[in-house]
Protein backbone atom coordinates (compact mmCIF):
# COMPACT_ATOMS: atom_id res chain seq x y z
CA UNK A 1 5.31 -2.86 27.67
CA UNK A 2 2.00 -2.89 25.79
CA UNK A 3 0.44 -6.29 25.25
CA UNK A 4 -0.44 -7.49 21.76
CA UNK A 5 -4.14 -6.89 22.50
CA UNK A 6 -3.48 -3.39 23.84
CA UNK A 7 -1.43 -2.44 20.79
CA UNK A 8 -4.19 -3.48 18.39
CA UNK A 9 -6.86 -1.61 20.32
CA UNK A 10 -4.67 1.47 20.79
CA UNK A 11 -3.71 1.69 17.12
CA UNK A 12 -4.65 5.13 15.91
CA UNK A 13 -4.07 7.61 13.15
CA UNK A 14 -0.71 9.00 12.11
CA UNK A 15 -0.83 11.52 14.94
CA UNK A 16 0.72 8.99 17.30
CA UNK A 17 3.76 6.92 16.41
CA UNK A 18 3.63 3.90 18.69
CA UNK A 19 6.89 2.80 20.26
CA UNK A 20 7.06 -0.81 21.36
CA UNK A 21 9.83 -2.11 23.57
CA UNK A 22 11.93 -4.92 22.20
CA UNK A 23 9.83 -8.07 22.26
CA UNK A 24 8.84 -9.83 19.09
CA UNK A 25 11.80 -9.72 16.73
CA UNK A 26 11.01 -10.15 13.07
CA UNK A 27 13.71 -10.81 10.50
CA UNK A 28 12.80 -9.50 7.04
CA UNK A 29 13.63 -11.56 3.98
CA UNK A 30 16.87 -9.71 3.28
CA UNK A 31 18.24 -10.67 6.72
CA UNK A 32 17.16 -14.28 6.32
CA UNK A 33 18.85 -14.38 2.91
CA UNK A 34 22.05 -12.86 4.31
CA UNK A 35 22.09 -15.12 7.37
CA UNK A 36 21.82 -18.12 5.06
CA UNK A 37 24.90 -17.01 3.15
CA UNK A 38 22.91 -15.78 0.12
CA UNK A 39 22.16 -19.39 -0.73
CA UNK A 40 21.11 -19.78 -4.36
CA UNK A 41 22.72 -16.54 -5.49
CA UNK A 42 26.36 -17.63 -5.54
CA UNK A 43 28.08 -16.54 -8.73
CA UNK A 44 24.88 -14.94 -10.08
CA UNK A 45 24.37 -11.59 -11.76
CA UNK A 46 21.53 -9.84 -9.97
CA UNK A 47 18.94 -7.22 -10.84
CA UNK A 48 17.19 -5.49 -7.94
CA UNK A 49 13.82 -3.73 -7.73
CA UNK A 50 13.83 -1.66 -4.55
CA UNK A 51 13.47 1.74 -2.91
CA UNK A 52 14.54 3.28 0.45
CA UNK A 53 12.21 0.90 2.36
CA UNK A 54 14.39 -2.04 1.32
CA UNK A 55 16.55 -2.18 4.44
CA UNK A 56 17.52 -4.59 7.20
CA UNK A 57 16.71 -4.02 10.87
CA UNK A 58 19.74 -1.72 11.25
CA UNK A 59 18.77 0.38 8.23
CA UNK A 60 21.42 -1.06 5.91
CA UNK A 61 20.13 -0.78 2.37
CA UNK A 62 19.44 -3.96 0.41
CA UNK A 63 21.31 -2.26 -2.44
CA UNK A 64 24.44 -1.95 -0.30
CA UNK A 65 24.06 -5.42 1.21
CA UNK A 66 23.89 -7.13 -2.18
CA UNK A 67 26.45 -4.83 -3.81
CA UNK A 68 29.10 -5.62 -1.19
CA UNK A 69 28.30 -9.34 -0.72
CA UNK A 70 31.18 -11.61 -1.79
CA UNK A 71 30.42 -14.04 -4.60
CA UNK A 72 27.49 -12.00 -5.95
CA UNK A 73 27.36 -9.39 -8.67
CA UNK A 74 24.63 -6.77 -8.48
CA UNK A 75 24.52 -5.44 -12.04
CA UNK A 76 21.37 -3.30 -12.34
CA UNK A 77 18.76 -1.45 -10.29
CA UNK A 78 15.11 -1.04 -11.26
CA UNK A 79 13.23 2.05 -10.08
CA UNK A 80 9.51 2.01 -9.21
CA UNK A 81 7.49 5.17 -8.43
CA UNK A 82 9.59 7.64 -6.36
CA UNK A 83 12.87 6.05 -7.56
CA UNK A 84 15.33 3.63 -5.94
CA UNK A 85 16.61 6.35 -3.59
CA UNK A 86 13.20 7.93 -2.96
CA UNK A 87 14.12 11.28 -4.51
CA UNK A 88 11.17 11.55 -6.93
CA UNK A 89 7.87 12.94 -5.62
CA UNK A 90 4.47 11.25 -6.01
CA UNK A 91 3.32 10.90 -9.60
CA UNK A 92 6.46 12.42 -11.12
CA UNK A 93 8.24 10.57 -13.91
CA UNK A 94 11.26 8.51 -12.91
CA UNK A 95 14.12 8.69 -15.40
CA UNK A 96 16.58 5.92 -16.17
CA UNK A 97 20.18 6.74 -15.42
CA UNK A 98 23.04 5.82 -13.10
CA UNK A 99 22.97 5.34 -9.34
CA UNK A 100 25.37 7.92 -7.90
CA UNK A 101 26.50 5.76 -4.99
CA UNK A 102 27.20 2.45 -6.76
CA UNK A 103 27.60 3.53 -10.37
CA UNK A 104 25.06 0.88 -11.38
CA UNK A 105 22.61 1.46 -14.22
CA UNK A 106 19.09 2.32 -13.04
CA UNK A 107 16.17 1.34 -15.26
CA UNK A 108 12.96 3.29 -14.74
CA UNK A 109 9.72 1.37 -14.23
CA UNK A 110 7.71 4.55 -13.77
CA UNK A 111 8.46 6.49 -16.91
CA UNK A 112 8.47 5.50 -20.57
CA UNK A 113 7.54 1.97 -19.50
CA UNK A 114 6.14 0.44 -16.34
CA UNK A 115 7.12 -3.08 -17.33
CA UNK A 116 10.80 -3.89 -17.78
CA UNK A 117 11.72 -4.72 -21.34
CA UNK A 118 13.56 -7.96 -22.15
CA UNK A 119 16.60 -5.85 -23.03
CA UNK A 120 16.71 -4.50 -19.46
CA UNK A 121 17.00 -8.05 -18.12
CA UNK A 122 19.72 -9.09 -20.59
CA UNK A 123 22.69 -10.52 -18.71
CA UNK A 124 20.75 -10.87 -15.44
CA UNK A 125 20.57 -14.33 -13.89
CA UNK A 126 18.07 -13.55 -11.10
CA UNK A 127 15.79 -10.60 -10.43
CA UNK A 128 15.18 -9.64 -6.78
CA UNK A 129 12.30 -7.59 -5.37
CA UNK A 130 12.52 -5.90 -1.95
CA UNK A 131 10.03 -3.11 -1.15
CA UNK A 132 7.92 -2.53 1.94
CA UNK A 133 4.27 -3.01 1.00
CA UNK A 134 1.33 -1.19 2.64
CA UNK A 135 -1.34 -3.85 2.15
CA UNK A 136 -3.68 -1.85 -0.13
CA UNK A 137 -4.41 -2.77 -3.74
CA UNK A 138 -4.03 0.74 -5.19
CA UNK A 139 -0.43 1.16 -4.00
CA UNK A 140 1.65 1.03 -7.17
CA UNK A 141 4.59 -1.07 -5.97
CA UNK A 142 2.63 -4.34 -6.11
CA UNK A 143 1.62 -3.45 -9.68
CA UNK A 144 5.30 -3.00 -10.51
CA UNK A 145 5.94 -6.42 -8.97
CA UNK A 146 3.40 -8.06 -11.26
CA UNK A 147 4.84 -6.43 -14.37
CA UNK A 148 8.34 -7.54 -13.38
CA UNK A 149 6.92 -11.05 -12.96
CA UNK A 150 5.56 -10.91 -16.52
CA UNK A 151 8.92 -9.98 -18.03
CA UNK A 152 10.65 -12.62 -15.93
CA UNK A 153 8.18 -15.17 -17.30
CA UNK A 154 8.78 -14.00 -20.86
CA UNK A 155 12.58 -14.12 -20.56
CA UNK A 156 12.96 -17.14 -18.28
CA UNK A 157 14.74 -15.08 -15.61
CA UNK A 158 13.83 -16.29 -12.08
CA UNK A 159 12.42 -13.81 -9.57
CA UNK A 160 13.18 -13.79 -5.84
CA UNK A 161 10.89 -11.82 -3.50
CA UNK A 162 12.35 -10.86 -0.13
CA UNK A 163 9.34 -10.87 2.17
CA UNK A 164 8.33 -8.09 4.55
CA UNK A 165 5.47 -7.53 7.02
CA UNK A 166 2.05 -6.40 5.90
CA UNK A 167 1.54 -3.34 8.13
CA UNK A 168 -2.22 -3.99 8.15
CA UNK A 169 -1.62 -7.48 9.52
CA UNK A 170 -2.42 -10.75 7.80
CA UNK A 171 -6.04 -11.09 8.89
CA UNK A 172 -7.82 -7.97 7.64
CA UNK A 173 -9.48 -8.34 4.23
CA UNK A 174 -11.88 -5.68 2.98
CA UNK A 175 -13.52 -4.44 -0.17
CA UNK A 176 -14.69 -5.84 -3.50
CA UNK A 177 -12.61 -7.49 -6.19
CA UNK A 178 -11.69 -5.45 -9.25
CA UNK A 179 -14.35 -5.82 -11.93
CA UNK A 180 -13.61 -6.42 -15.62
CA UNK A 181 -12.98 -3.18 -17.45
CA UNK A 182 -11.53 -1.45 -14.37
CA UNK A 183 -8.05 -2.96 -14.15
CA UNK A 184 -5.28 -0.37 -14.17
CA UNK A 185 -1.92 0.38 -12.58
CA UNK A 186 -3.81 1.19 -9.34
CA UNK A 187 -6.08 -1.86 -9.56
CA UNK A 188 -4.05 -4.41 -11.45
CA UNK A 189 -5.25 -7.63 -9.80
CA UNK A 190 -8.61 -9.19 -9.08
CA UNK A 191 -8.12 -8.93 -5.32
CA UNK A 192 -9.91 -6.98 -2.54
CA UNK A 193 -8.82 -3.46 -1.69
CA UNK A 194 -7.24 -4.73 1.54
CA UNK A 195 -5.97 -8.26 0.91
CA UNK A 196 -4.31 -9.52 4.10
CA UNK A 197 -1.19 -11.03 2.50
CA UNK A 198 2.50 -10.25 2.69
CA UNK A 199 4.09 -9.22 -0.58
CA UNK A 200 5.66 -12.68 -0.93
CA UNK A 201 2.32 -14.41 -0.37
CA UNK A 202 0.65 -12.04 -2.82
CA UNK A 203 3.29 -12.82 -5.45
CA UNK A 204 2.60 -16.55 -5.01
CA UNK A 205 -1.16 -16.00 -5.38
CA UNK A 206 -0.70 -13.86 -8.49
CA UNK A 207 1.61 -16.46 -10.01
CA UNK A 208 -0.48 -19.53 -9.25
CA UNK A 209 -4.00 -18.17 -9.74
CA UNK A 210 -3.48 -16.60 -13.16
CA UNK A 211 -3.95 -13.03 -11.94
CA UNK A 212 -0.87 -11.70 -13.71
CA UNK A 213 -2.70 -10.23 -16.69
CA UNK A 214 -0.71 -7.05 -17.18
CA UNK A 215 -1.37 -3.42 -16.31
CA UNK A 216 -4.81 -3.35 -17.93
CA UNK A 217 -5.85 -6.87 -16.96
CA UNK A 218 -6.30 -7.96 -20.57
CA UNK A 219 -3.15 -9.91 -21.48
CA UNK A 220 -2.78 -13.62 -21.00
CA UNK A 221 -1.54 -14.50 -17.50
CA UNK A 222 2.10 -15.52 -17.36
CA UNK A 223 3.78 -17.64 -14.68
CA UNK A 224 7.38 -16.97 -13.71
CA UNK A 225 9.97 -19.01 -11.82
CA UNK A 226 9.23 -17.50 -8.40
CA UNK A 227 11.12 -17.88 -5.13
CA UNK A 228 10.04 -16.22 -1.87
CA UNK A 229 12.43 -15.76 1.05
CA UNK A 230 10.09 -15.77 4.07
CA UNK A 231 10.56 -13.67 7.17
CA UNK A 232 11.29 -15.20 10.53
CA UNK A 233 9.18 -14.37 13.57
CA UNK A 234 6.22 -12.73 11.85
CA UNK A 235 2.66 -13.83 12.69
CA UNK A 236 -0.58 -12.95 10.94
CA UNK A 237 -2.00 -11.00 13.87
CA UNK A 238 1.00 -8.66 14.02
CA UNK A 239 0.76 -5.00 13.18
CA UNK A 240 3.96 -3.24 12.25
CA UNK A 241 4.83 -1.75 15.69
CA UNK A 242 4.95 -5.30 17.07
CA UNK A 243 7.66 -6.42 14.63
CA UNK A 244 10.49 -4.47 16.27
CA UNK A 245 11.55 -3.29 12.80
CA UNK A 246 12.21 0.35 11.90
CA UNK A 247 9.65 1.92 9.59
CA UNK A 248 11.16 3.54 6.51
CA UNK A 249 8.66 5.51 4.48
CA UNK A 250 8.08 3.67 1.18
CA UNK A 251 6.59 6.86 -0.29
CA UNK A 252 6.33 10.50 0.86
CA UNK A 253 2.80 10.33 2.27
CA UNK A 254 3.30 7.11 4.27
CA UNK A 255 5.73 8.46 6.89
CA UNK A 256 4.60 6.21 9.77
CA UNK A 257 3.32 2.63 9.95
CA UNK A 258 -0.01 4.09 11.12
CA UNK A 259 -0.12 5.97 7.79
CA UNK A 260 -0.41 2.60 6.05
CA UNK A 261 -3.58 1.98 8.09
CA UNK A 262 -4.88 5.47 7.29
CA UNK A 263 -4.21 5.12 3.55
CA UNK A 264 -7.14 2.76 2.80
CA UNK A 265 -9.27 4.65 5.33
CA UNK A 266 -9.15 7.97 3.47
CA UNK A 267 -7.37 7.50 0.14
CA UNK A 268 -10.52 7.18 -1.96
CA UNK A 269 -11.74 10.59 -0.77
CA UNK A 270 -8.32 11.87 -1.74
CA UNK A 271 -9.15 11.15 -5.37
CA UNK A 272 -11.97 13.73 -5.22
CA UNK A 273 -10.29 17.14 -5.40
CA UNK A 274 -11.95 20.28 -4.01
CA UNK A 275 -13.91 18.24 -1.50
CA UNK A 276 -12.18 17.42 1.80
CA UNK A 277 -8.58 17.75 2.94
CA UNK A 278 -7.40 14.38 4.29
CA UNK A 279 -4.21 15.60 5.94
CA UNK A 280 -2.14 15.60 2.75
CA UNK A 281 -0.08 18.78 2.80
CA UNK A 282 -0.09 18.69 6.59
CA UNK A 283 1.59 16.45 9.17
CA UNK A 284 -1.23 13.86 9.26
CA UNK A 285 -1.51 12.30 5.79
CA UNK A 286 -4.73 10.30 5.32
CA UNK A 287 -5.62 10.85 9.01
CA UNK A 288 -8.10 13.75 8.90
CA UNK A 289 -11.19 15.01 7.11
CA UNK A 290 -11.41 18.80 7.15
CA UNK A 291 -12.34 21.92 5.17
CA UNK A 292 -12.84 25.64 5.77
CA UNK A 293 -16.63 25.31 5.69
CA UNK A 294 -16.91 22.38 8.12
CA UNK A 295 -18.17 22.86 11.69
CA UNK A 296 -15.85 20.44 13.52
CA UNK A 297 -18.11 19.90 16.54
CA UNK A 298 -21.12 19.32 14.33
CA UNK A 299 -19.30 16.80 12.15
CA UNK A 300 -17.97 14.90 15.16
CA UNK A 301 -21.45 14.77 16.70
CA UNK A 302 -22.91 13.39 13.48
CA UNK A 303 -20.20 10.73 13.15
CA UNK A 304 -20.52 9.76 16.82
CA UNK A 305 -24.24 9.22 16.25
CA UNK A 306 -23.49 6.47 13.71
CA UNK A 307 -21.79 4.35 16.40
CA UNK A 308 -19.35 2.91 13.88
CA UNK A 309 -17.62 -0.18 15.35
CA UNK A 310 -14.01 0.37 16.41
CA UNK A 311 -13.73 4.06 15.45
CA UNK A 312 -13.46 7.16 17.64
CA UNK A 313 -13.37 10.79 16.52
CA UNK A 314 -11.94 14.07 17.79
CA UNK A 315 -12.27 17.59 16.44
CA UNK A 316 -9.24 19.14 14.79
CA UNK A 317 -8.26 22.54 13.36
CA UNK A 318 -5.10 23.12 11.32
CA UNK A 319 -3.50 24.99 8.45
CA UNK A 320 -2.07 22.83 5.64
CA UNK A 321 1.44 23.87 4.72
CA UNK A 322 1.10 22.98 1.02
CA UNK A 323 -1.53 22.23 -1.59
CA UNK A 324 -4.91 23.76 -2.38
CA UNK A 325 -5.53 25.00 1.18
CA UNK A 326 -1.99 26.04 2.12
CA UNK A 327 -2.07 28.58 4.93
CA UNK A 328 -5.86 28.41 5.36
CA UNK A 329 -7.49 27.26 8.58
CA UNK A 330 -9.56 24.12 8.12
CA UNK A 331 -11.87 22.37 10.58
CA UNK A 332 -12.93 18.76 10.87
CA UNK A 333 -12.20 15.45 12.52
CA UNK A 334 -9.32 13.10 13.10
CA UNK A 335 -10.14 9.41 13.56
CA UNK A 336 -8.68 6.70 15.78
CA UNK A 337 -9.17 2.92 15.71
CA UNK A 338 -10.03 1.92 19.24
CA UNK A 339 -10.76 -1.66 18.14
CA UNK A 340 -8.86 -2.40 14.94
CA UNK A 341 -10.28 -5.90 14.56
CA UNK A 342 -13.87 -4.65 14.78
CA UNK A 343 -13.38 -1.71 12.41
CA UNK A 344 -13.93 -1.88 8.66
CA UNK A 345 -11.22 0.63 7.91
CA UNK A 346 -12.02 1.13 4.22
CA UNK A 347 -15.55 2.30 5.06
CA UNK A 348 -14.42 5.07 7.41
CA UNK A 349 -14.23 7.56 4.54
CA UNK A 350 -17.70 6.62 3.29
CA UNK A 351 -19.26 7.36 6.67
CA UNK A 352 -17.57 10.77 6.55
CA UNK A 353 -18.97 11.41 3.07
CA UNK A 354 -22.43 10.41 4.30
CA UNK A 355 -22.15 12.77 7.28
CA UNK A 356 -20.95 15.67 5.11
CA UNK A 357 -23.88 15.10 2.76
CA UNK A 358 -26.40 15.01 5.60
CA UNK A 359 -24.97 18.15 7.21
CA UNK A 360 -23.98 20.28 4.23
CA UNK A 361 -25.54 18.73 1.12
CA UNK A 362 -22.15 18.32 -0.53
CA UNK A 363 -21.76 15.35 -2.87
CA UNK A 364 -18.17 14.75 -4.10
CA UNK A 365 -19.41 12.91 -7.17
CA UNK A 366 -21.17 16.09 -8.28
CA UNK A 367 -18.51 18.60 -7.24
CA UNK A 368 -15.59 16.58 -8.65
CA UNK A 369 -17.19 14.93 -11.67
CA UNK A 370 -13.97 14.95 -13.65
CA UNK A 371 -12.33 12.80 -10.96
CA UNK A 372 -14.92 10.01 -11.06
CA UNK A 373 -12.99 7.92 -13.65
CA UNK A 374 -9.91 7.90 -11.40
CA UNK A 375 -12.05 7.15 -8.33
CA UNK A 376 -13.53 4.18 -10.21
CA UNK A 377 -10.07 2.92 -11.16
CA UNK A 378 -8.90 3.00 -7.56
CA UNK A 379 -12.19 1.54 -6.32
CA UNK A 380 -12.08 -1.21 -8.96
CA UNK A 381 -15.57 -0.59 -10.41
CA UNK A 382 -18.19 2.11 -11.01
CA UNK A 383 -20.69 0.49 -8.65
CA UNK A 384 -19.75 2.63 -5.66
CA UNK A 385 -19.68 5.96 -7.50
CA UNK A 386 -23.06 5.14 -9.06
CA UNK A 387 -24.92 3.66 -6.09
CA UNK A 388 -23.31 5.48 -3.18
CA UNK A 389 -22.98 8.65 -5.25
CA UNK A 390 -26.73 8.52 -5.82
CA UNK A 391 -27.88 8.02 -2.23
CA UNK A 392 -24.84 8.94 -0.08
CA UNK A 393 -25.82 6.13 2.29
CA UNK A 394 -23.21 3.59 3.39
CA UNK A 395 -25.94 1.00 3.96
CA UNK A 396 -26.58 0.92 0.20
CA UNK A 397 -23.08 -0.44 -0.58
CA UNK A 398 -22.43 -2.65 2.46
CA UNK A 399 -23.49 -5.89 0.79
CA UNK A 400 -21.43 -5.16 -2.32
CA UNK A 401 -18.41 -4.02 -0.29
CA UNK A 402 -18.30 -7.23 1.75
CA UNK A 403 -19.50 -9.76 -0.82
CA UNK A 404 -16.08 -11.04 -1.98
CA UNK A 405 -14.25 -11.12 1.34
CA UNK A 406 -14.89 -14.65 2.61
CA UNK A 407 -14.24 -16.33 -0.75
CA UNK A 408 -10.97 -14.46 -1.12
CA UNK A 409 -9.90 -15.45 2.39
CA UNK A 410 -10.44 -19.11 1.49
CA UNK A 411 -8.52 -18.73 -1.77
CA UNK A 412 -5.60 -16.78 -0.34
CA UNK A 413 -5.17 -19.08 2.67
CA UNK A 414 -3.54 -21.60 0.30
CA UNK A 415 -0.59 -19.22 0.02
CA UNK A 416 -0.04 -18.38 3.68
CA UNK A 417 3.60 -18.68 4.71
CA UNK A 418 2.93 -17.75 8.35
């Protein structure tokens, strides 16, 4: 069996799905709630925000668990991006309707509205949230959580968050806070890009620190009646393979727990179309950097020369099966974290952009100008696109990228449950 230290240092891209023998056994919030006899929910009418990742350790859906529990009445489901059953692809509108399995009404939170209306919560005594987070600010499910919290505050309906592991662990914090004027559904809170909190801890921080200012960050913060059901057995230094829990993809391009680590490592490049393929449309989402015009050996040699802490590179050649480059042979690199604690995972993509500029003179901020506004939204400011886009040197943004980390760690530590 791999030791905790070995697992962290062996963590790599989505090419390898780590299998860990039974050891640490983490109980997610839904199991803790069930084992405690659903205390606090007796005789209540429940609303549930969830998706396929809301399961117990034996893959029983939270929908089914609550629907069949005696003394409870699950009355409505609320669908984030991809829908409660995961049958809607990325970015596509989710329609309200009826859940085929339970017959319950499903209210869309990724369609005509992204915040539940008071009418949707009529007749509900408690709202429940159970979705596997990925630990990155731009992932839309935590934005949905905040908007549900706002409506709960407005209507006086309590909210219960069933906690789950942060697959990035509870110690890694990276990136700048969102700046005023750049709040959006992919940067809703003034938090770093990687924030090192479980979803329950994040909900507490949002609630208590006045960060719940709506999708555009301009409304008055609202505080709801929040309850968090903590996990049992989770520790801050755990990565997901150490939990003993099954990974259920919370969205199509996060198929493995390693994909959650790759997402903040490559996702910003993914906003710049016609630049580099990052494994989307292939079997390694967010795990590669490749194009037809790249010399894989040359790019690897350049990246090796940077001696980036905790990162190793290998050459790769593949044909995407969908998207812009479907059926075309691309060349590039795949990255691995040989020392996860030492690596600044969010900067991996910027080193690649620097190397591509130095080798090929290609600047994504010039070739994909129309995508800069979306890049800025995800990044949380225009500082990076302006400064880094001008010089293509990682050293020019290091101070800015790291400036908010220590202060946020001190602030967020007040809300640690583990």
